[in-house]
Protein backbone atom coordinates (compact mmCIF):
# COMPACT_ATOMS: atom_id res chain seq x y z
CA MET A 1 -1.09 -28.39 -5.67
CA LYS A 2 -2.10 -28.24 -9.31
CA LEU A 3 -1.89 -25.16 -11.52
CA GLU A 4 -2.82 -26.63 -14.87
CA ARG A 5 -5.61 -24.17 -15.75
CA SER A 6 -3.58 -21.21 -14.45
CA ALA A 7 -0.64 -22.33 -16.57
CA GLN A 8 -2.85 -22.52 -19.66
CA LEU A 9 -4.24 -19.05 -19.00
CA TYR A 10 -0.74 -17.73 -18.49
CA GLN A 11 0.35 -19.05 -21.86
CA ARG A 12 -2.58 -17.30 -23.49
CA ALA A 13 -1.83 -14.13 -21.53
CA ILE A 14 1.84 -13.82 -22.47
CA ALA A 15 0.85 -13.75 -26.13
CA VAL A 16 -1.30 -10.64 -25.71
CA ILE A 17 -0.21 -8.95 -22.42
CA PRO A 18 3.40 -7.93 -21.59
CA GLY A 19 4.70 -10.61 -19.25
CA GLY A 20 1.20 -12.06 -19.07
CA VAL A 21 0.13 -9.64 -16.32
CA ASN A 22 -1.29 -6.14 -16.13
CA SER A 23 0.82 -5.21 -13.10
CA PRO A 24 4.33 -6.57 -12.53
CA VAL A 25 3.65 -7.44 -8.89
CA ARG A 26 1.23 -10.14 -10.03
CA ALA A 27 3.96 -11.98 -11.92
CA PHE A 28 5.96 -14.65 -10.17
CA ASN A 29 9.31 -13.29 -11.38
CA GLY A 30 10.41 -12.76 -7.80
CA VAL A 31 9.57 -16.32 -6.72
CA GLY A 32 9.66 -18.37 -9.92
CA GLY A 33 6.91 -20.35 -11.60
CA ASN A 34 3.66 -19.26 -13.18
CA PRO A 35 1.26 -16.78 -11.56
CA ILE A 36 -2.01 -17.92 -10.08
CA PHE A 37 -5.14 -16.92 -11.99
CA VAL A 38 -8.01 -16.19 -9.61
CA THR A 39 -11.61 -16.80 -10.59
CA ARG A 40 -13.47 -15.66 -7.47
CA ALA A 41 -13.03 -14.74 -3.82
CA GLN A 42 -15.12 -14.66 -0.66
CA GLY A 43 -14.29 -13.58 2.87
CA PRO A 44 -10.67 -14.60 3.62
CA TYR A 45 -10.44 -16.92 0.62
CA ILE A 46 -9.43 -16.73 -3.02
CA TYR A 47 -10.21 -19.53 -5.50
CA ASP A 48 -7.97 -20.18 -8.47
CA ALA A 49 -8.73 -21.36 -11.98
CA ASP A 50 -7.98 -24.94 -10.94
CA GLY A 51 -10.65 -24.83 -8.23
CA GLN A 52 -8.22 -24.60 -5.29
CA ARG A 53 -8.95 -22.46 -2.24
CA PHE A 54 -6.36 -20.38 -0.40
CA ILE A 55 -6.46 -18.25 2.74
CA ASP A 56 -5.43 -14.91 1.30
CA TYR A 57 -3.28 -12.24 2.96
CA VAL A 58 -2.74 -10.15 -0.18
CA GLY A 59 -6.24 -8.67 -0.05
CA SER A 60 -5.90 -7.03 -3.46
CA TRP A 61 -2.67 -5.47 -2.12
CA GLY A 62 -4.36 -3.83 0.84
CA PRO A 63 -7.81 -2.39 0.14
CA LEU A 64 -9.92 -5.34 1.27
CA ILE A 65 -9.96 -4.58 4.97
CA LEU A 66 -13.45 -6.15 5.12
CA GLY A 67 -12.31 -9.25 3.26
CA HIS A 68 -13.32 -10.32 -0.22
CA ALA A 69 -16.79 -9.55 -1.56
CA PRO A 70 -18.38 -8.18 1.65
CA ARG A 71 -22.16 -8.09 1.31
CA SER A 72 -22.55 -4.44 2.32
CA VAL A 73 -20.13 -3.28 -0.39
CA LEU A 74 -21.58 -5.58 -3.06
CA ASP A 75 -25.09 -4.33 -2.32
CA ALA A 76 -23.98 -0.69 -2.48
CA VAL A 77 -22.24 -1.22 -5.83
CA ALA A 78 -25.24 -3.10 -7.23
CA ARG A 79 -27.61 -0.29 -6.24
CA ALA A 80 -25.29 2.28 -7.80
CA ALA A 81 -24.88 0.27 -11.00
CA LYS A 82 -28.63 0.32 -11.57
CA ASP A 83 -28.39 4.10 -11.83
CA GLY A 84 -25.53 3.96 -14.37
CA THR A 85 -21.83 3.14 -14.28
CA SER A 86 -20.32 6.50 -15.25
CA PHE A 87 -21.75 9.94 -15.90
CA GLY A 88 -18.93 12.44 -16.31
CA TRP A 89 -21.03 14.74 -14.14
CA ALA A 90 -20.89 15.61 -10.45
CA THR A 91 -22.76 13.26 -8.09
CA GLU A 92 -23.95 13.28 -4.50
CA ARG A 93 -21.88 10.21 -3.73
CA GLU A 94 -18.67 12.18 -4.38
CA VAL A 95 -19.73 14.72 -1.79
CA GLU A 96 -20.71 12.05 0.72
CA LEU A 97 -17.42 10.16 0.48
CA ALA A 98 -15.47 13.43 0.69
CA GLU A 99 -17.37 14.25 3.88
CA HIS A 100 -16.43 10.86 5.36
CA VAL A 101 -12.74 11.40 4.52
CA THR A 102 -12.50 14.97 5.81
CA LYS A 103 -14.32 14.04 9.02
CA ALA A 104 -12.01 11.09 9.68
CA VAL A 105 -8.71 12.81 8.80
CA PRO A 106 -8.55 16.30 10.39
CA SER A 107 -5.53 17.43 8.32
CA VAL A 108 -7.62 16.96 5.16
CA GLU A 109 -9.91 19.98 4.82
CA MET A 110 -10.52 19.43 1.11
CA VAL A 111 -10.08 16.32 -1.00
CA ARG A 112 -9.97 15.54 -4.74
CA PHE A 113 -10.78 12.03 -5.96
CA VAL A 114 -8.81 10.34 -8.72
CA SER A 115 -8.68 6.77 -10.01
CA SER A 116 -5.45 5.35 -8.55
CA GLY A 117 -2.74 5.85 -5.98
CA THR A 118 -0.29 6.82 -8.72
CA GLU A 119 -2.64 9.59 -9.85
CA ALA A 120 -2.97 10.74 -6.26
CA THR A 121 0.76 11.02 -5.56
CA MET A 122 1.68 12.62 -8.88
CA SER A 123 -1.12 15.15 -8.41
CA ALA A 124 -0.10 15.92 -4.83
CA LEU A 125 3.46 16.61 -5.98
CA ARG A 126 2.18 18.94 -8.71
CA VAL A 127 0.08 20.77 -6.13
CA ALA A 128 3.09 21.11 -3.82
CA ARG A 129 5.18 22.53 -6.65
CA GLY A 130 2.40 24.89 -7.70
CA PHE A 131 1.82 26.09 -4.14
CA THR A 132 5.49 26.65 -3.24
CA GLY A 133 6.82 27.70 -6.63
CA ARG A 134 9.66 25.19 -6.21
CA ASP A 135 10.60 22.10 -8.22
CA ARG A 136 12.49 19.59 -6.11
CA VAL A 137 11.06 16.74 -4.01
CA VAL A 138 12.75 14.66 -1.32
CA LYS A 139 11.82 10.97 -1.33
CA PHE A 140 13.19 7.91 0.45
CA ALA A 141 15.00 4.86 -0.88
CA GLY A 142 12.68 1.87 -1.05
CA CYS A 143 9.46 3.85 -0.74
CA TYR A 144 7.06 3.39 -3.64
CA HIS A 145 4.74 6.21 -4.64
CA GLY A 146 3.34 4.85 -7.87
CA HIS A 147 4.86 4.78 -11.33
CA ALA A 148 5.00 8.50 -12.15
CA ASP A 149 8.40 9.43 -13.58
CA ALA A 150 9.54 11.49 -10.59
CA PHE A 151 9.10 8.59 -8.15
CA LEU A 152 10.83 5.71 -9.91
CA ALA A 153 14.38 6.34 -8.74
CA ASP A 154 15.36 3.71 -6.10
CA ALA A 155 11.72 2.72 -5.57
CA GLY A 156 10.24 -0.22 -3.71
CA SER A 157 7.35 -2.61 -4.50
CA GLY A 158 7.52 -4.21 -7.95
CA VAL A 159 10.62 -2.20 -8.87
CA ALA A 160 12.46 -3.81 -5.95
CA THR A 161 11.00 -7.25 -6.68
CA LEU A 162 12.24 -7.19 -10.27
CA GLY A 163 15.62 -5.76 -9.29
CA ILE A 164 15.25 -2.76 -11.59
CA PRO A 165 17.67 0.03 -10.55
CA GLY A 166 15.64 2.68 -12.32
CA CYS A 167 13.15 2.68 -15.15
CA ALA A 168 13.76 2.81 -18.88
CA GLY A 169 11.75 5.50 -20.60
CA VAL A 170 12.13 7.99 -17.77
CA PRO A 171 14.21 10.94 -18.99
CA ASP A 172 17.04 12.21 -16.82
CA GLY A 173 15.26 15.52 -16.41
CA ALA A 174 12.22 13.83 -14.87
CA VAL A 175 14.20 12.54 -11.89
CA ARG A 176 16.80 15.29 -11.68
CA ASP A 177 14.64 17.12 -9.16
CA SER A 178 13.99 13.98 -7.09
CA LEU A 179 16.41 13.83 -4.16
CA THR A 180 16.53 10.34 -2.65
CA VAL A 181 17.77 9.78 0.90
CA PRO A 182 17.67 6.75 3.26
CA TYR A 183 14.47 6.13 5.20
CA ASN A 184 14.69 6.90 8.93
CA ASP A 185 17.83 9.02 8.37
CA LEU A 186 17.06 12.52 9.63
CA ASN A 187 20.69 13.58 9.31
CA ALA A 188 20.57 12.87 5.57
CA VAL A 189 17.33 14.85 5.29
CA GLU A 190 18.77 17.82 7.13
CA ALA A 191 21.94 17.73 5.01
CA THR A 192 19.87 17.66 1.83
CA PHE A 193 17.81 20.64 2.96
CA SER A 194 20.94 22.49 4.05
CA GLU A 195 22.19 22.27 0.47
CA HIS A 196 18.94 22.56 -1.51
CA GLY A 197 16.34 23.86 0.97
CA ASP A 198 15.16 26.91 -0.97
CA THR A 199 14.45 24.73 -4.04
CA ILE A 200 12.58 21.86 -2.31
CA ALA A 201 8.81 21.92 -2.71
CA ALA A 202 8.01 18.88 -0.61
CA VAL A 203 9.05 15.77 1.25
CA ILE A 204 6.96 12.74 0.34
CA VAL A 205 7.08 9.72 2.62
CA GLU A 206 5.26 6.54 3.47
CA PRO A 207 4.72 7.16 7.21
CA VAL A 208 5.15 3.41 7.59
CA ALA A 209 7.18 2.03 4.73
CA CYS A 210 5.18 -0.86 3.27
CA ASN A 211 6.75 -1.33 -0.16
CA MET A 212 10.22 -2.48 0.94
CA GLY A 213 8.95 -4.93 3.45
CA LEU A 214 7.66 -3.32 6.64
CA VAL A 215 9.83 -0.54 8.04
CA PRO A 216 8.24 1.48 10.86
CA PRO A 217 9.41 5.05 11.42
CA SER A 218 11.82 5.63 14.26
CA PRO A 219 10.25 7.74 17.05
CA GLU A 220 11.99 10.92 15.94
CA PHE A 221 11.67 10.46 12.16
CA LEU A 222 8.20 11.79 11.30
CA PRO A 223 8.30 14.67 13.85
CA GLY A 224 11.74 15.52 12.47
CA LEU A 225 10.40 15.68 8.91
CA ARG A 226 7.66 18.00 10.10
CA SER A 227 10.22 20.31 11.74
CA VAL A 228 12.55 20.38 8.73
CA CYS A 229 9.69 21.17 6.34
CA ASP A 230 8.49 23.97 8.61
CA LYS A 231 12.00 25.41 8.84
CA TYR A 232 12.51 25.57 5.08
CA GLY A 233 8.95 26.28 3.93
CA ALA A 234 8.47 22.93 2.19
CA LEU A 235 5.32 20.83 2.33
CA LEU A 236 5.15 17.45 4.04
CA ILE A 237 3.23 14.85 2.02
CA PHE A 238 2.17 11.61 3.67
CA ASP A 239 1.60 8.84 1.15
CA GLU A 240 -1.15 6.96 2.97
CA VAL A 241 -2.27 4.96 -0.04
CA ILE A 242 -1.63 1.85 2.08
CA THR A 243 -1.78 3.14 5.67
CA GLY A 244 -4.80 5.41 5.21
CA PHE A 245 -7.80 3.87 7.03
CA ARG A 246 -5.65 0.78 7.65
CA LEU A 247 -3.94 1.93 10.87
CA GLY A 248 -7.16 3.56 12.06
CA LEU A 249 -9.75 6.05 10.84
CA GLY A 250 -7.21 8.86 11.00
CA GLY A 251 -4.50 6.85 9.28
CA ALA A 252 -0.82 6.89 10.19
CA GLN A 253 -0.89 10.61 10.93
CA ALA A 254 -3.32 10.04 13.79
CA HIS A 255 -1.49 6.88 14.87
CA PHE A 256 1.82 8.76 15.21
CA GLY A 257 0.47 12.22 16.01
CA VAL A 258 2.21 14.03 13.15
CA THR A 259 0.22 16.30 10.82
CA PRO A 260 1.18 16.51 7.12
CA ASP A 261 0.24 19.31 4.75
CA LEU A 262 -1.01 16.95 2.02
CA THR A 263 -2.11 13.31 2.15
CA THR A 264 -2.62 10.78 -0.60
CA PHE A 265 -5.08 7.89 -0.34
CA GLY A 266 -6.09 4.84 -2.33
CA LYS A 267 -6.82 1.19 -1.59
CA ILE A 268 -9.38 1.18 1.22
CA ILE A 269 -11.34 4.30 0.26
CA GLY A 270 -12.41 2.50 -2.91
CA GLY A 271 -13.61 -0.63 -1.13
CA GLY A 272 -11.91 -2.77 -3.78
CA LEU A 273 -12.72 -0.56 -6.77
CA PRO A 274 -10.19 1.74 -8.49
CA VAL A 275 -9.98 4.93 -6.41
CA GLY A 276 -7.32 7.33 -5.23
CA ALA A 277 -7.49 10.74 -3.59
CA TYR A 278 -5.32 13.58 -2.40
CA GLY A 279 -6.19 16.28 0.06
CA GLY A 280 -4.93 18.64 2.69
CA ARG A 281 -5.13 22.16 4.04
CA ARG A 282 -7.74 24.34 2.42
CA ASP A 283 -5.29 27.06 1.37
CA ILE A 284 -3.12 24.48 -0.41
CA MET A 285 -5.99 22.67 -2.12
CA ARG A 286 -7.36 25.94 -3.42
CA VAL A 287 -4.56 26.03 -6.01
CA VAL A 288 -6.22 23.05 -7.75
CA ALA A 289 -8.29 23.85 -10.88
CA PRO A 290 -10.93 25.15 -11.28
CA LEU A 291 -10.13 27.28 -8.18
CA GLY A 292 -6.46 27.73 -9.01
CA PRO A 293 -3.74 27.29 -11.65
CA VAL A 294 -2.73 23.66 -10.93
CA TYR A 295 -4.56 21.56 -13.49
CA GLN A 296 -5.62 18.00 -12.80
CA ALA A 297 -8.61 16.18 -14.29
CA GLY A 298 -10.04 12.71 -14.83
CA THR A 299 -13.12 11.48 -16.67
CA LEU A 300 -13.59 8.60 -14.23
CA SER A 301 -12.63 10.54 -11.09
CA GLY A 302 -15.42 10.17 -8.55
CA ASN A 303 -16.88 7.22 -10.45
CA PRO A 304 -20.29 6.43 -8.92
CA LEU A 305 -19.58 2.72 -8.41
CA ALA A 306 -16.28 3.42 -6.70
CA MET A 307 -17.81 6.13 -4.53
CA ALA A 308 -20.57 3.76 -3.44
CA ALA A 309 -18.04 1.07 -2.54
CA GLY A 310 -15.97 3.58 -0.60
CA ILE A 311 -18.91 4.93 1.37
CA ALA A 312 -20.09 1.42 2.30
CA THR A 313 -16.57 0.49 3.41
CA LEU A 314 -15.95 3.58 5.52
CA GLU A 315 -19.33 3.20 7.21
CA CYS A 316 -18.17 -0.21 8.43
CA LEU A 317 -14.84 1.18 9.61
CA GLU A 318 -16.60 3.86 11.63
CA ARG A 319 -18.06 1.24 13.98
CA PRO A 320 -16.57 1.86 17.46
CA SER A 321 -14.95 -1.55 17.90
CA PHE A 322 -13.82 -2.17 14.33
CA TYR A 323 -10.14 -1.36 14.69
CA SER A 324 -9.69 -2.87 18.14
CA ASP A 325 -11.19 -6.12 16.85
CA LEU A 326 -9.00 -6.06 13.73
CA ASP A 327 -5.87 -5.32 15.76
CA SER A 328 -6.67 -8.23 18.05
CA ARG A 329 -6.92 -10.61 15.09
CA ALA A 330 -3.64 -9.40 13.65
CA LYS A 331 -1.93 -9.75 17.03
CA THR A 332 -3.22 -13.30 17.42
CA LEU A 333 -1.70 -14.13 14.03
CA THR A 334 1.71 -12.60 14.66
CA ASP A 335 1.93 -13.92 18.24
CA GLY A 336 1.27 -17.40 16.87
CA LEU A 337 3.83 -16.95 14.11
CA ASP A 338 6.40 -15.75 16.66
CA LYS A 339 6.05 -19.06 18.52
CA VAL A 340 6.34 -21.07 15.33
CA LEU A 341 9.44 -19.15 14.21
CA ALA A 342 11.01 -19.64 17.65
CA SER A 343 10.47 -23.39 17.34
CA HIS A 344 12.46 -23.28 14.10
CA GLY A 345 15.42 -21.43 15.56
CA ASN A 346 14.14 -17.96 14.68
CA ILE A 347 15.08 -18.49 11.06
CA ALA A 348 12.79 -15.55 10.28
CA ARG A 349 10.93 -12.85 12.15
CA VAL A 350 7.49 -11.34 11.78
CA ASP A 351 6.80 -7.64 12.32
CA ARG A 352 3.46 -5.86 12.58
CA VAL A 353 2.00 -2.38 12.57
CA ALA A 354 -1.76 -2.57 13.25
CA SER A 355 -3.17 -5.05 10.69
CA ILE A 356 -0.13 -4.94 8.37
CA PHE A 357 2.46 -7.68 8.90
CA TYR A 358 5.71 -8.80 7.30
CA LEU A 359 7.53 -12.11 7.55
CA TRP A 360 11.17 -11.86 6.50
CA PHE A 361 14.11 -14.22 6.67
CA LYS A 362 16.47 -12.18 8.78
CA PRO A 363 17.54 -14.61 11.54
CA GLN A 364 18.38 -13.45 15.05
CA SER A 365 17.28 -9.88 14.42
CA ASP A 366 15.91 -8.39 17.63
CA ARG A 367 13.99 -5.53 16.07
CA PRO A 368 12.10 -4.51 12.92
CA ALA A 369 14.09 -3.28 9.93
CA ARG A 370 15.04 0.39 9.90
CA SER A 371 16.09 0.79 6.27
CA TYR A 372 15.84 -0.57 2.74
CA ASP A 373 19.41 -1.88 3.01
CA GLU A 374 18.43 -4.06 5.98
CA ILE A 375 15.50 -5.53 4.07
CA LYS A 376 17.74 -6.28 1.10
CA SER A 377 20.18 -8.13 3.36
CA ALA A 378 17.59 -10.79 4.21
CA ASP A 379 17.63 -14.26 2.63
CA ALA A 380 15.40 -13.80 -0.42
CA GLY A 381 16.17 -17.31 -1.66
CA LEU A 382 14.80 -18.85 1.52
CA PHE A 383 11.67 -16.72 1.16
CA VAL A 384 11.15 -18.11 -2.35
CA ARG A 385 11.21 -21.69 -1.09
CA PHE A 386 8.98 -20.80 1.83
CA PHE A 387 6.50 -18.98 -0.44
CA HIS A 388 5.91 -22.06 -2.56
CA ALA A 389 5.77 -24.38 0.44
CA LEU A 390 3.16 -22.14 2.05
CA LEU A 391 1.19 -22.04 -1.19
CA ASN A 392 1.13 -25.81 -1.10
CA GLN A 393 -0.41 -25.53 2.37
CA GLY A 394 -3.21 -23.33 1.01
CA VAL A 395 -2.06 -19.89 2.18
CA THR A 396 -1.09 -16.97 -0.06
CA LEU A 397 1.38 -14.20 0.63
CA ALA A 398 2.44 -11.71 -2.02
CA PRO A 399 4.88 -13.30 -4.52
CA SER A 400 7.69 -10.99 -3.43
CA ALA A 401 10.15 -10.79 -0.55
CA PHE A 402 9.51 -7.02 -0.43
CA GLU A 403 5.74 -6.97 0.08
CA VAL A 404 3.66 -6.97 3.26
CA GLY A 405 0.57 -8.96 4.22
CA PHE A 406 -2.82 -7.68 5.33
CA VAL A 407 -5.25 -9.04 7.90
CA SER A 408 -8.95 -8.33 7.30
CA ASN A 409 -11.93 -8.65 9.59
CA ALA A 410 -12.89 -11.71 7.54
CA HIS A 411 -9.88 -13.55 8.98
CA GLU A 412 -11.50 -15.27 11.92
CA LEU A 413 -9.78 -17.36 14.59
CA GLN A 414 -10.16 -20.57 12.60
CA HIS A 415 -8.40 -19.02 9.59
CA ILE A 416 -5.64 -17.57 11.75
CA GLU A 417 -5.03 -20.91 13.48
CA ALA A 418 -4.98 -22.68 10.11
CA THR A 419 -2.44 -20.13 8.87
CA ILE A 420 -0.15 -20.64 11.87
CA THR A 421 -0.24 -24.40 11.31
CA ALA A 422 0.42 -23.92 7.58
CA VAL A 423 3.49 -21.76 8.29
CA ASP A 424 4.83 -24.43 10.65
CA LEU A 425 4.38 -27.15 8.04
CA ALA A 426 5.86 -24.99 5.29
CA LEU A 427 8.97 -24.28 7.38
CA LYS A 428 9.38 -27.98 8.16
CA SER A 429 9.20 -28.69 4.44
CA VAL A 430 11.77 -26.04 3.60
CA LEU A 431 14.20 -26.70 6.44
CA GLY A 432 13.93 -30.49 6.37
């Protein structure tokens, strides 16, 4: 594999962009070497600056559930662009996408669009504080809710990849009201509420943790959070920036049958363009300006191009067989990988929730991880060697031992079979 052009671009980039990337997860700090520079993408493939093609399971970190550059989304964006790229005024497309979201997710009676997942989560927390009149928030070790100050203590995603224990530039006061407990540990949650319950505005959680590897909730975890919040008068916020419209039209809350008070979205609802959203019960959302005293604004919120991409994407997801077909493809992939891993002595395991999967080098484990500590105990060094070997076989995973992969409906059987073969060859290369 050659990366000459990517290496040249990286040298140019590091002179004018911190670390040569505009988001730390794109850097190869966690795996070594220079990052790939992508020039175009189509279906399940990305193409780099050196003209090489890779089967891609990053999918722009989750939003591309239809694959890269789907025709329906491109056509919708092109039609919208002819009318103008940004108005700063209300548009019909904002209303239409909001109607799609509120119809699909029953807990969301009203929704406000923003431009990123970080905006969505920081706004939802402000709403929770404004609604309850309380300041504290309970979060979970290894969960990542964007880069707002309150969420960067013991966070996952790029923070975990870079090994940063906290974040410089975040004042102590900004995280003093953030109470971090272990994921899947209801006893720790109940103890925290027992001590601080009348000061806690909300619990925010990834209903399936996807930023510290893949950690599904234990059967009692999400219902337990709902009960604790009800007992103490706190709000339950589901961060569905990744899981929203990925696990099904109703997201993780429909998948697990637990109803939050507020939900944050991103990724898929923008169809590959920058979009986030937060929403929930009508009485809670009515505290948001201009109806109420909680101020939040954004010039590009509800951008017409992003709304058009989101509408076109959700219309595809509303097809009756979409999710069953997608789940079948993801199952074919992970079933095949299970067999390959077994042939190599189960040096690693692969876990899946719907179309999200995670391959981690935790040998002989008979179940998915249940905590951030378990994920951190895996062999990150072996992942690094495997990552590069797999890249040489023409398949991309995220350049981090803490990130998940995403199957799209553009990953057809031929691509899945090629991926299974590539993993086998990569493991043979690594293990000798």
